[in-house]
Amino acid sequence: MNKPKAKAMGGTIALNKRARHEYHIDERHEAGLALQGWEVKALRAG
């Protein structure tokens, strides 16, 4: 049998709908982490 496809990484993790409703947001910023070596393996292993 074929393995089920993994979900694509990325996408929105959190939204603050109340802040968007009550305030005008001028700028958006994204931040992330770059994992290397054993860190990636540990996440994949669970």
N, C-alpha and C. Protein backbone atom coordinates (compact mmCIF):
# COMPACT_ATOMS: atom_id res chain seq x y z
N MET A 1 0.83 -1.19 0.00
CA MET A 1 0.00 0.00 0.00
C MET A 1 0.87 1.25 0.00
N ASN A 2 0.34 2.31 -0.52
CA ASN A 2 1.06 3.58 -0.53
C ASN A 2 0.92 4.27 0.81
N LYS A 3 1.96 4.98 1.18
CA LYS A 3 1.90 5.77 2.42
C LYS A 3 1.03 7.00 2.18
N PRO A 4 0.27 7.44 3.18
CA PRO A 4 -0.49 8.69 3.02
C PRO A 4 0.47 9.87 2.91
N LYS A 5 0.12 10.81 2.07
CA LYS A 5 0.99 11.98 1.88
C LYS A 5 0.98 12.86 3.12
N ALA A 6 2.15 13.37 3.46
CA ALA A 6 2.27 14.27 4.60
C ALA A 6 1.69 15.64 4.22
N LYS A 7 1.14 16.32 5.19
CA LYS A 7 0.62 17.66 4.94
C LYS A 7 1.78 18.60 4.64
N ALA A 8 1.55 19.54 3.78
CA ALA A 8 2.57 20.52 3.43
C ALA A 8 2.86 21.41 4.63
N MET A 9 4.12 21.63 4.88
CA MET A 9 4.50 22.50 5.99
C MET A 9 4.23 23.94 5.60
N GLY A 10 4.00 24.75 6.58
CA GLY A 10 3.71 26.15 6.31
C GLY A 10 2.25 26.44 6.60
N GLY A 11 1.84 27.61 6.27
CA GLY A 11 0.46 27.98 6.55
C GLY A 11 0.37 28.79 7.82
N THR A 12 -0.81 29.20 8.13
CA THR A 12 -1.03 30.04 9.30
C THR A 12 -1.16 29.18 10.54
N ILE A 13 -0.40 29.52 11.56
CA ILE A 13 -0.46 28.81 12.83
C ILE A 13 -1.42 29.51 13.77
N ALA A 14 -1.40 30.83 13.78
CA ALA A 14 -2.25 31.57 14.71
C ALA A 14 -2.74 32.86 14.05
N LEU A 15 -3.96 33.23 14.38
CA LEU A 15 -4.55 34.49 13.93
C LEU A 15 -5.13 35.20 15.13
N ASN A 16 -5.08 36.51 15.12
CA ASN A 16 -5.73 37.29 16.17
C ASN A 16 -6.85 38.07 15.49
N LYS A 17 -8.01 37.44 15.40
CA LYS A 17 -9.15 38.05 14.70
C LYS A 17 -9.63 39.32 15.39
N ARG A 18 -9.58 39.34 16.71
CA ARG A 18 -10.05 40.52 17.44
C ARG A 18 -9.16 41.73 17.13
N ALA A 19 -7.85 41.52 17.10
CA ALA A 19 -6.94 42.62 16.79
C ALA A 19 -7.17 43.14 15.37
N ARG A 20 -7.42 42.26 14.44
CA ARG A 20 -7.70 42.69 13.06
C ARG A 20 -9.00 43.49 12.98
N HIS A 21 -9.96 43.12 13.81
CA HIS A 21 -11.26 43.81 13.79
C HIS A 21 -11.17 45.18 14.45
N GLU A 22 -10.46 45.28 15.56
CA GLU A 22 -10.44 46.51 16.35
C GLU A 22 -9.36 47.51 15.94
N TYR A 23 -8.34 47.07 15.22
CA TYR A 23 -7.22 47.94 14.89
C TYR A 23 -6.90 47.84 13.41
N HIS A 24 -6.25 48.88 12.90
CA HIS A 24 -5.75 48.87 11.53
C HIS A 24 -4.30 48.42 11.58
N ILE A 25 -3.99 47.31 10.94
CA ILE A 25 -2.64 46.76 10.98
C ILE A 25 -1.90 47.24 9.73
N ASP A 26 -0.81 48.01 9.94
CA ASP A 26 -0.04 48.56 8.83
C ASP A 26 0.96 47.56 8.25
N GLU A 27 1.65 46.83 9.11
CA GLU A 27 2.71 45.95 8.65
C GLU A 27 2.55 44.55 9.23
N ARG A 28 3.02 43.59 8.48
CA ARG A 28 3.03 42.21 8.96
C ARG A 28 4.47 41.71 8.92
N HIS A 29 4.85 40.96 9.94
CA HIS A 29 6.19 40.40 10.00
C HIS A 29 6.09 38.90 10.23
N GLU A 30 6.98 38.16 9.59
CA GLU A 30 7.05 36.72 9.79
C GLU A 30 8.39 36.38 10.41
N ALA A 31 8.38 35.38 11.26
CA ALA A 31 9.61 34.92 11.89
C ALA A 31 9.64 33.40 11.85
N GLY A 32 10.81 32.85 11.88
CA GLY A 32 10.93 31.39 11.84
C GLY A 32 12.26 30.93 12.39
N LEU A 33 12.42 29.63 12.40
CA LEU A 33 13.64 29.00 12.88
C LEU A 33 14.22 28.15 11.76
N ALA A 34 15.54 28.09 11.69
CA ALA A 34 16.21 27.21 10.75
C ALA A 34 16.83 26.07 11.55
N LEU A 35 16.25 24.88 11.41
CA LEU A 35 16.76 23.73 12.14
C LEU A 35 17.84 23.04 11.31
N GLN A 36 18.82 22.46 12.00
CA GLN A 36 19.92 21.81 11.31
C GLN A 36 20.21 20.46 11.94
N GLY A 37 20.64 19.53 11.13
CA GLY A 37 21.15 18.24 11.58
C GLY A 37 20.23 17.46 12.50
N TRP A 38 20.69 17.20 13.71
CA TRP A 38 19.98 16.34 14.67
C TRP A 38 18.63 16.93 15.08
N GLU A 39 18.48 18.25 15.00
CA GLU A 39 17.22 18.88 15.39
C GLU A 39 16.09 18.44 14.45
N VAL A 40 16.39 18.39 13.16
CA VAL A 40 15.40 17.97 12.18
C VAL A 40 15.07 16.50 12.39
N LYS A 41 16.10 15.68 12.61
CA LYS A 41 15.89 14.25 12.82
C LYS A 41 15.04 14.01 14.06
N ALA A 42 15.26 14.77 15.12
CA ALA A 42 14.50 14.60 16.35
C ALA A 42 13.02 14.96 16.14
N LEU A 43 12.75 15.99 15.36
CA LEU A 43 11.36 16.36 15.08
C LEU A 43 10.66 15.31 14.24
N ARG A 44 11.36 14.77 13.27
CA ARG A 44 10.75 13.75 12.41
C ARG A 44 10.48 12.47 13.18
N ALA A 45 11.36 12.15 14.12
CA ALA A 45 11.21 10.92 14.91
C ALA A 45 10.07 11.04 15.92
N GLY A 46 9.76 12.25 16.30
CA GLY A 46 8.64 12.46 17.23
C GLY A 46 9.15 12.74 18.54
